Amino acid sequence: MAYGDGIITSRNTFQKYYEQEELKTHIDQVLGVDAIPVALGIYFLFRDDAETELFQASCFRSLASTPKVRACVKRFEEF
């Protein structure tokens, strides 16, 4: 049964469904921190700002590497 901005379940409990951005805003306002979304409905929160920055930096780390040039190919190109 609909009730306010949620529903009353058959077990007489109240449930409210949040959109992703709405949930982030709610967490940010209530806890006073910047919630980091990691999956649908899942957020990471850190007590220390340095830990937050380390986590965010790790998300943008590139796994790409420079191609290795074999010595024989390098000598051939130089010749």
PDB file of N, CA and C in Angstrom:
ATOM      1  N   MET A   1       0.853  -1.163   0.000  1.00  0.00           N
ATOM      2  CA  MET A   1       0.000   0.000   0.000  1.00  0.00           C
ATOM      3  C   MET A   1       0.910   1.240   0.000  1.00  0.00           C
ATOM      4  N   ALA A   2       0.599   2.180  -0.889  1.00  0.00           N
ATOM      5  CA  ALA A   2       1.374   3.417  -0.964  1.00  0.00           C
ATOM      6  C   ALA A   2       1.146   4.259   0.291  1.00  0.00           C
ATOM      7  N   TYR A   3       2.252   4.825   0.796  1.00  0.00           N
ATOM      8  CA  TYR A   3       2.162   5.678   1.970  1.00  0.00           C
ATOM      9  C   TYR A   3       3.247   6.736   1.868  1.00  0.00           C
ATOM     10  N   GLY A   4       2.873   7.982   1.737  1.00  0.00           N
ATOM     11  CA  GLY A   4       3.831   9.077   1.621  1.00  0.00           C
ATOM     12  C   GLY A   4       4.739   8.877   0.420  1.00  0.00           C
ATOM     13  N   ASP A   5       6.048   8.856   0.654  1.00  0.00           N
ATOM     14  CA  ASP A   5       6.987   8.681  -0.447  1.00  0.00           C
ATOM     15  C   ASP A   5       7.510   7.242  -0.525  1.00  0.00           C
ATOM     16  N   GLY A   6       6.808   6.302   0.092  1.00  0.00           N
ATOM     17  CA  GLY A   6       7.220   4.900   0.069  1.00  0.00           C
ATOM     18  C   GLY A   6       6.013   3.989   0.045  1.00  0.00           C
ATOM     19  N   ILE A   7       6.193   2.783   0.566  1.00  0.00           N
ATOM     20  CA  ILE A   7       5.092   1.826   0.614  1.00  0.00           C
ATOM     21  C   ILE A   7       5.097   1.128   1.971  1.00  0.00           C
ATOM     22  N   ILE A   8       3.930   0.629   2.373  1.00  0.00           N
ATOM     23  CA  ILE A   8       3.791  -0.214   3.554  1.00  0.00           C
ATOM     24  C   ILE A   8       3.698  -1.646   3.033  1.00  0.00           C
ATOM     25  N   THR A   9       4.598  -2.506   3.499  1.00  0.00           N
ATOM     26  CA  THR A   9       4.645  -3.880   3.006  1.00  0.00           C
ATOM     27  C   THR A   9       3.596  -4.743   3.695  1.00  0.00           C
ATOM     28  N   SER A  10       3.494  -5.997   3.240  1.00  0.00           N
ATOM     29  CA  SER A  10       2.540  -6.936   3.841  1.00  0.00           C
ATOM     30  C   SER A  10       2.926  -7.279   5.275  1.00  0.00           C
ATOM     31  N   ARG A  11       4.196  -7.056   5.633  1.00  0.00           N
ATOM     32  CA  ARG A  11       4.654  -7.299   7.010  1.00  0.00           C
ATOM     33  C   ARG A  11       4.577  -6.041   7.864  1.00  0.00           C
ATOM     34  N   ASN A  12       3.901  -5.037   7.341  1.00  0.00           N
ATOM     35  CA  ASN A  12       3.675  -3.777   8.046  1.00  0.00           C
ATOM     36  C   ASN A  12       4.975  -3.020   8.301  1.00  0.00           C
ATOM     37  N   THR A  13       5.895  -3.071   7.338  1.00  0.00           N
ATOM     38  CA  THR A  13       7.122  -2.277   7.404  1.00  0.00           C
ATOM     39  C   THR A  13       7.078  -1.226   6.304  1.00  0.00           C
ATOM     40  N   PHE A  14       7.828  -0.147   6.512  1.00  0.00           N
ATOM     41  CA  PHE A  14       7.868   0.935   5.531  1.00  0.00           C
ATOM     42  C   PHE A  14       9.118   0.788   4.674  1.00  0.00           C
ATOM     43  N   GLN A  15       8.950   0.907   3.367  1.00  0.00           N
ATOM     44  CA  GLN A  15      10.080   0.866   2.447  1.00  0.00           C
ATOM     45  C   GLN A  15      10.021   2.061   1.514  1.00  0.00           C
ATOM     46  N   LYS A  16      11.186   2.622   1.261  1.00  0.00           N
ATOM     47  CA  LYS A  16      11.295   3.723   0.307  1.00  0.00           C
ATOM     48  C   LYS A  16      12.384   3.363  -0.678  1.00  0.00           C
ATOM     49  N   TYR A  17      12.085   3.503  -1.948  1.00  0.00           N
ATOM     50  CA  TYR A  17      13.063   3.220  -2.992  1.00  0.00           C
ATOM     51  C   TYR A  17      13.680   4.519  -3.461  1.00  0.00           C
ATOM     52  N   TYR A  18      15.010   4.554  -3.496  1.00  0.00           N
ATOM     53  CA  TYR A  18      15.746   5.743  -3.897  1.00  0.00           C
ATOM     54  C   TYR A  18      16.321   5.565  -5.296  1.00  0.00           C
ATOM     55  N   GLU A  19      16.381   6.664  -6.022  1.00  0.00           N
ATOM     56  CA  GLU A  19      17.159   6.677  -7.251  1.00  0.00           C
ATOM     57  C   GLU A  19      18.613   6.854  -6.852  1.00  0.00           C
ATOM     58  N   GLN A  20      19.531   6.484  -7.728  1.00  0.00           N
ATOM     59  CA  GLN A  20      20.956   6.505  -7.400  1.00  0.00           C
ATOM     60  C   GLN A  20      21.415   7.884  -6.905  1.00  0.00           C
ATOM     61  N   GLU A  21      21.096   8.925  -7.630  1.00  0.00           N
ATOM     62  CA  GLU A  21      21.543  10.275  -7.251  1.00  0.00           C
ATOM     63  C   GLU A  21      20.835  10.759  -5.989  1.00  0.00           C
ATOM     64  N   GLU A  22      19.577  10.366  -5.827  1.00  0.00           N
ATOM     65  CA  GLU A  22      18.819  10.757  -4.638  1.00  0.00           C
ATOM     66  C   GLU A  22      19.432  10.131  -3.380  1.00  0.00           C
ATOM     67  N   LEU A  23      19.862   8.876  -3.485  1.00  0.00           N
ATOM     68  CA  LEU A  23      20.497   8.207  -2.349  1.00  0.00           C
ATOM     69  C   LEU A  23      21.838   8.858  -2.007  1.00  0.00           C
ATOM     70  N   LYS A  24      22.631   9.205  -3.022  1.00  0.00           N
ATOM     71  CA  LYS A  24      23.913   9.869  -2.789  1.00  0.00           C
ATOM     72  C   LYS A  24      23.709  11.203  -2.083  1.00  0.00           C
ATOM     73  N   THR A  25      22.753  11.976  -2.540  1.00  0.00           N
ATOM     74  CA  THR A  25      22.457  13.267  -1.916  1.00  0.00           C
ATOM     75  C   THR A  25      22.049  13.088  -0.455  1.00  0.00           C
ATOM     76  N   HIS A  26      21.222  12.089  -0.194  1.00  0.00           N
ATOM     77  CA  HIS A  26      20.766  11.826   1.174  1.00  0.00           C
ATOM     78  C   HIS A  26      21.943  11.448   2.076  1.00  0.00           C
ATOM     79  N   ILE A  27      22.812  10.558   1.605  1.00  0.00           N
ATOM     80  CA  ILE A  27      23.984  10.148   2.390  1.00  0.00           C
ATOM     81  C   ILE A  27      24.896  11.344   2.646  1.00  0.00           C
ATOM     82  N   ASP A  28      25.143  12.133   1.599  1.00  0.00           N
ATOM     83  CA  ASP A  28      26.013  13.308   1.736  1.00  0.00           C
ATOM     84  C   ASP A  28      25.479  14.280   2.779  1.00  0.00           C
ATOM     85  N   GLN A  29      24.172  14.531   2.763  1.00  0.00           N
ATOM     86  CA  GLN A  29      23.579  15.500   3.684  1.00  0.00           C
ATOM     87  C   GLN A  29      23.550  14.982   5.122  1.00  0.00           C
ATOM     88  N   VAL A  30      23.184  13.726   5.297  1.00  0.00           N
ATOM     89  CA  VAL A  30      23.041  13.178   6.645  1.00  0.00           C
ATOM     90  C   VAL A  30      24.402  12.994   7.321  1.00  0.00           C
ATOM     91  N   LEU A  31      25.375  12.457   6.587  1.00  0.00           N
ATOM     92  CA  LEU A  31      26.670  12.150   7.190  1.00  0.00           C
ATOM     93  C   LEU A  31      27.708  13.252   7.012  1.00  0.00           C
ATOM     94  N   GLY A  32      27.462  14.179   6.109  1.00  0.00           N
ATOM     95  CA  GLY A  32      28.377  15.286   5.905  1.00  0.00           C
ATOM     96  C   GLY A  32      29.684  14.895   5.236  1.00  0.00           C
ATOM     97  N   VAL A  33      29.652  13.833   4.435  1.00  0.00           N
ATOM     98  CA  VAL A  33      30.836  13.392   3.692  1.00  0.00           C
ATOM     99  C   VAL A  33      30.448  13.200   2.228  1.00  0.00           C
ATOM    100  N   ASP A  34      31.460  13.059   1.379  1.00  0.00           N
ATOM    101  CA  ASP A  34      31.208  12.828  -0.037  1.00  0.00           C
ATOM    102  C   ASP A  34      31.177  11.325  -0.291  1.00  0.00           C
ATOM    103  N   ALA A  35      29.988  10.785  -0.550  1.00  0.00           N
ATOM    104  CA  ALA A  35      29.844   9.357  -0.816  1.00  0.00           C
ATOM    105  C   ALA A  35      30.331   9.061  -2.231  1.00  0.00           C
ATOM    106  N   ILE A  36      31.073   7.956  -2.367  1.00  0.00           N
ATOM    107  CA  ILE A  36      31.620   7.570  -3.666  1.00  0.00           C
ATOM    108  C   ILE A  36      30.834   6.366  -4.176  1.00  0.00           C
ATOM    109  N   PRO A  37      30.093   6.518  -5.282  1.00  0.00           N
ATOM    110  CA  PRO A  37      29.330   5.378  -5.808  1.00  0.00           C
ATOM    111  C   PRO A  37      30.273   4.356  -6.436  1.00  0.00           C
ATOM    112  N   VAL A  38      30.119   3.076  -6.061  1.00  0.00           N
ATOM    113  CA  VAL A  38      30.943   2.012  -6.623  1.00  0.00           C
ATOM    114  C   VAL A  38      30.111   0.987  -7.381  1.00  0.00           C
ATOM    115  N   ALA A  39      28.828   0.941  -7.120  1.00  0.00           N
ATOM    116  CA  ALA A  39      27.903   0.059  -7.836  1.00  0.00           C
ATOM    117  C   ALA A  39      26.495   0.589  -7.581  1.00  0.00           C
ATOM    118  N   LEU A  40      25.536  -0.003  -8.232  1.00  0.00           N
ATOM    119  CA  LEU A  40      24.158   0.453  -8.085  1.00  0.00           C
ATOM    120  C   LEU A  40      23.696   0.274  -6.639  1.00  0.00           C
ATOM    121  N   GLY A  41      23.461   1.385  -5.950  1.00  0.00           N
ATOM    122  CA  GLY A  41      23.002   1.352  -4.567  1.00  0.00           C
ATOM    123  C   GLY A  41      24.089   1.099  -3.540  1.00  0.00           C
ATOM    124  N   ILE A  42      25.359   1.088  -3.965  1.00  0.00           N
ATOM    125  CA  ILE A  42      26.469   0.837  -3.046  1.00  0.00           C
ATOM    126  C   ILE A  42      27.421   2.029  -3.089  1.00  0.00           C
ATOM    127  N   TYR A  43      27.731   2.549  -1.903  1.00  0.00           N
ATOM    128  CA  TYR A  43      28.597   3.718  -1.782  1.00  0.00           C
ATOM    129  C   TYR A  43      29.703   3.433  -0.780  1.00  0.00           C
ATOM    130  N   PHE A  44      30.886   3.988  -1.048  1.00  0.00           N
ATOM    131  CA  PHE A  44      31.988   3.931  -0.095  1.00  0.00           C
ATOM    132  C   PHE A  44      32.069   5.271   0.607  1.00  0.00           C
ATOM    133  N   LEU A  45      32.292   5.215   1.929  1.00  0.00           N
ATOM    134  CA  LEU A  45      32.474   6.412   2.743  1.00  0.00           C
ATOM    135  C   LEU A  45      33.769   6.248   3.522  1.00  0.00           C
ATOM    136  N   PHE A  46      34.548   7.306   3.609  1.00  0.00           N
ATOM    137  CA  PHE A  46      35.809   7.266   4.327  1.00  0.00           C
ATOM    138  C   PHE A  46      35.799   8.335   5.407  1.00  0.00           C
ATOM    139  N   ARG A  47      36.345   7.998   6.555  1.00  0.00           N
ATOM    140  CA  ARG A  47      36.447   8.969   7.647  1.00  0.00           C
ATOM    141  C   ARG A  47      37.558   9.974   7.385  1.00  0.00           C
ATOM    142  N   ASP A  48      38.613   9.519   6.740  1.00  0.00           N
ATOM    143  CA  ASP A  48      39.793  10.341   6.496  1.00  0.00           C
ATOM    144  C   ASP A  48      39.808  10.806   5.042  1.00  0.00           C
ATOM    145  N   ASP A  49      39.988  12.119   4.823  1.00  0.00           N
ATOM    146  CA  ASP A  49      40.014  12.672   3.466  1.00  0.00           C
ATOM    147  C   ASP A  49      41.174  12.105   2.650  1.00  0.00           C
ATOM    148  N   ALA A  50      42.287  11.803   3.317  1.00  0.00           N
ATOM    149  CA  ALA A  50      43.435  11.240   2.606  1.00  0.00           C
ATOM    150  C   ALA A  50      43.096   9.857   2.042  1.00  0.00           C
ATOM    151  N   GLU A  51      42.357   9.057   2.799  1.00  0.00           N
ATOM    152  CA  GLU A  51      41.937   7.736   2.317  1.00  0.00           C
ATOM    153  C   GLU A  51      40.986   7.869   1.125  1.00  0.00           C
ATOM    154  N   THR A  52      40.120   8.864   1.167  1.00  0.00           N
ATOM    155  CA  THR A  52      39.208   9.112   0.048  1.00  0.00           C
ATOM    156  C   THR A  52      39.998   9.430  -1.209  1.00  0.00           C
ATOM    157  N   GLU A  53      40.985  10.292  -1.083  1.00  0.00           N
ATOM    158  CA  GLU A  53      41.794  10.674  -2.235  1.00  0.00           C
ATOM    159  C   GLU A  53      42.603   9.498  -2.765  1.00  0.00           C
ATOM    160  N   LEU A  54      43.138   8.666  -1.874  1.00  0.00           N
ATOM    161  CA  LEU A  54      43.882   7.483  -2.310  1.00  0.00           C
ATOM    162  C   LEU A  54      42.985   6.517  -3.080  1.00  0.00           C
ATOM    163  N   PHE A  55      41.767   6.319  -2.579  1.00  0.00           N
ATOM    164  CA  PHE A  55      40.841   5.424  -3.270  1.00  0.00           C
ATOM    165  C   PHE A  55      40.476   5.966  -4.645  1.00  0.00           C
ATOM    166  N   GLN A  56      40.153   7.247  -4.711  1.00  0.00           N
ATOM    167  CA  GLN A  56      39.779   7.837  -5.993  1.00  0.00           C
ATOM    168  C   GLN A  56      40.935   7.806  -6.975  1.00  0.00           C
ATOM    169  N   ALA A  57      42.153   8.018  -6.498  1.00  0.00           N
ATOM    170  CA  ALA A  57      43.322   7.952  -7.371  1.00  0.00           C
ATOM    171  C   ALA A  57      43.524   6.535  -7.892  1.00  0.00           C
ATOM    172  N   SER A  58      43.267   5.540  -7.052  1.00  0.00           N
ATOM    173  CA  SER A  58      43.448   4.151  -7.483  1.00  0.00           C
ATOM    174  C   SER A  58      42.438   3.755  -8.558  1.00  0.00           C
ATOM    175  N   CYS A  59      41.301   4.426  -8.591  1.00  0.00           N
ATOM    176  CA  CYS A  59      40.290   4.120  -9.611  1.00  0.00           C
ATOM    177  C   CYS A  59      40.726   4.587 -10.995  1.00  0.00           C
ATOM    178  N   PHE A  60      41.638   5.532 -11.046  1.00  0.00           N
ATOM    179  CA  PHE A  60      42.057   6.102 -12.319  1.00  0.00           C
ATOM    180  C   PHE A  60      43.459   5.666 -12.719  1.00  0.00           C
ATOM    181  N   ARG A  61      43.993   4.673 -12.042  1.00  0.00           N
ATOM    182  CA  ARG A  61      45.321   4.168 -12.368  1.00  0.00           C
ATOM    183  C   ARG A  61      45.240   3.399 -13.680  1.00  0.00           C
ATOM    184  N   SER A  62      46.169   3.671 -14.564  1.00  0.00           N
ATOM    185  CA  SER A  62      46.194   3.022 -15.866  1.00  0.00           C
ATOM    186  C   SER A  62      47.028   1.749 -15.806  1.00  0.00           C
ATOM    187  N   LEU A  63      46.528   0.706 -16.435  1.00  0.00           N
ATOM    188  CA  LEU A  63      47.253  -0.546 -16.495  1.00  0.00           C
ATOM    189  C   LEU A  63      48.049  -0.670 -17.801  1.00  0.00           C
ATOM    190  N   ALA A  64      47.961   0.353 -18.644  1.00  0.00           N
ATOM    191  CA  ALA A  64      48.674   0.332 -19.916  1.00  0.00           C
ATOM    192  C   ALA A  64      50.169   0.503 -19.680  1.00  0.00           C
ATOM    193  N   SER A  65      50.959  -0.168 -20.490  1.00  0.00           N
ATOM    194  CA  SER A  65      52.405  -0.033 -20.389  1.00  0.00           C
ATOM    195  C   SER A  65      52.965   0.280 -21.770  1.00  0.00           C
ATOM    196  N   THR A  66      54.161   0.794 -21.786  1.00  0.00           N
ATOM    197  CA  THR A  66      54.777   1.110 -23.074  1.00  0.00           C
ATOM    198  C   THR A  66      55.247  -0.184 -23.723  1.00  0.00           C
ATOM    199  N   PRO A  67      55.123  -0.277 -25.028  1.00  0.00           N
ATOM    200  CA  PRO A  67      55.548  -1.506 -25.700  1.00  0.00           C
ATOM    201  C   PRO A  67      57.060  -1.669 -25.613  1.00  0.00           C
ATOM    202  N   LYS A  68      57.497  -2.891 -25.476  1.00  0.00           N
ATOM    203  CA  LYS A  68      58.924  -3.180 -25.389  1.00  0.00           C
ATOM    204  C   LYS A  68      59.481  -3.386 -26.798  1.00  0.00           C
ATOM    205  N   VAL A  69      60.623  -2.783 -27.051  1.00  0.00           N
ATOM    206  CA  VAL A  69      61.282  -2.912 -28.349  1.00  0.00           C
ATOM    207  C   VAL A  69      62.442  -3.885 -28.192  1.00  0.00           C
ATOM    208  N   ARG A  70      62.390  -4.946 -28.958  1.00  0.00           N
ATOM    209  CA  ARG A  70      63.469  -5.930 -28.895  1.00  0.00           C
ATOM    210  C   ARG A  70      64.729  -5.340 -29.503  1.00  0.00           C
ATOM    211  N   ALA A  71      65.873  -5.746 -28.995  1.00  0.00           N
ATOM    212  CA  ALA A  71      67.156  -5.191 -29.438  1.00  0.00           C
ATOM    213  C   ALA A  71      67.395  -5.433 -30.920  1.00  0.00           C
ATOM    214  N   CYS A  72      67.043  -6.617 -31.426  1.00  0.00           N
ATOM    215  CA  CYS A  72      67.302  -6.898 -32.838  1.00  0.00           C
ATOM    216  C   CYS A  72      66.441  -6.019 -33.742  1.00  0.00           C
ATOM    217  N   VAL A  73      65.216  -5.721 -33.325  1.00  0.00           N
ATOM    218  CA  VAL A  73      64.343  -4.847 -34.120  1.00  0.00           C
ATOM    219  C   VAL A  73      64.882  -3.423 -34.082  1.00  0.00           C
ATOM    220  N   LYS A  74      65.360  -3.002 -32.926  1.00  0.00           N
ATOM    221  CA  LYS A  74      65.908  -1.654 -32.794  1.00  0.00           C
ATOM    222  C   LYS A  74      67.144  -1.476 -33.682  1.00  0.00           C
ATOM    223  N   ARG A  75      68.045  -2.451 -33.673  1.00  0.00           N
ATOM    224  CA  ARG A  75      69.238  -2.368 -34.519  1.00  0.00           C
ATOM    225  C   ARG A  75      68.872  -2.362 -35.998  1.00  0.00           C
ATOM    226  N   PHE A  76      67.868  -3.167 -36.383  1.00  0.00           N
ATOM    227  CA  PHE A  76      67.427  -3.201 -37.778  1.00  0.00           C
ATOM    228  C   PHE A  76      66.902  -1.851 -38.218  1.00  0.00           C
ATOM    229  N   GLU A  77      66.079  -1.213 -37.345  1.00  0.00           N
ATOM    230  CA  GLU A  77      65.522   0.105 -37.690  1.00  0.00           C
ATOM    231  C   GLU A  77      66.595   1.158 -37.748  1.00  0.00           C
ATOM    232  N   GLU A  78      67.618   1.069 -36.896  1.00  0.00           N
ATOM    233  CA  GLU A  78      68.700   2.043 -36.932  1.00  0.00           C
ATOM    234  C   GLU A  78      69.565   1.894 -38.186  1.00  0.00           C
ATOM    235  N   PHE A  79      69.701   0.652 -38.691  1.00  0.00           N
ATOM    236  CA  PHE A  79      70.519   0.387 -39.852  1.00  0.00           C
ATOM    237  C   PHE A  79      69.833   0.978 -41.074  1.00  0.00           C
TER     238      PHE A  79
END
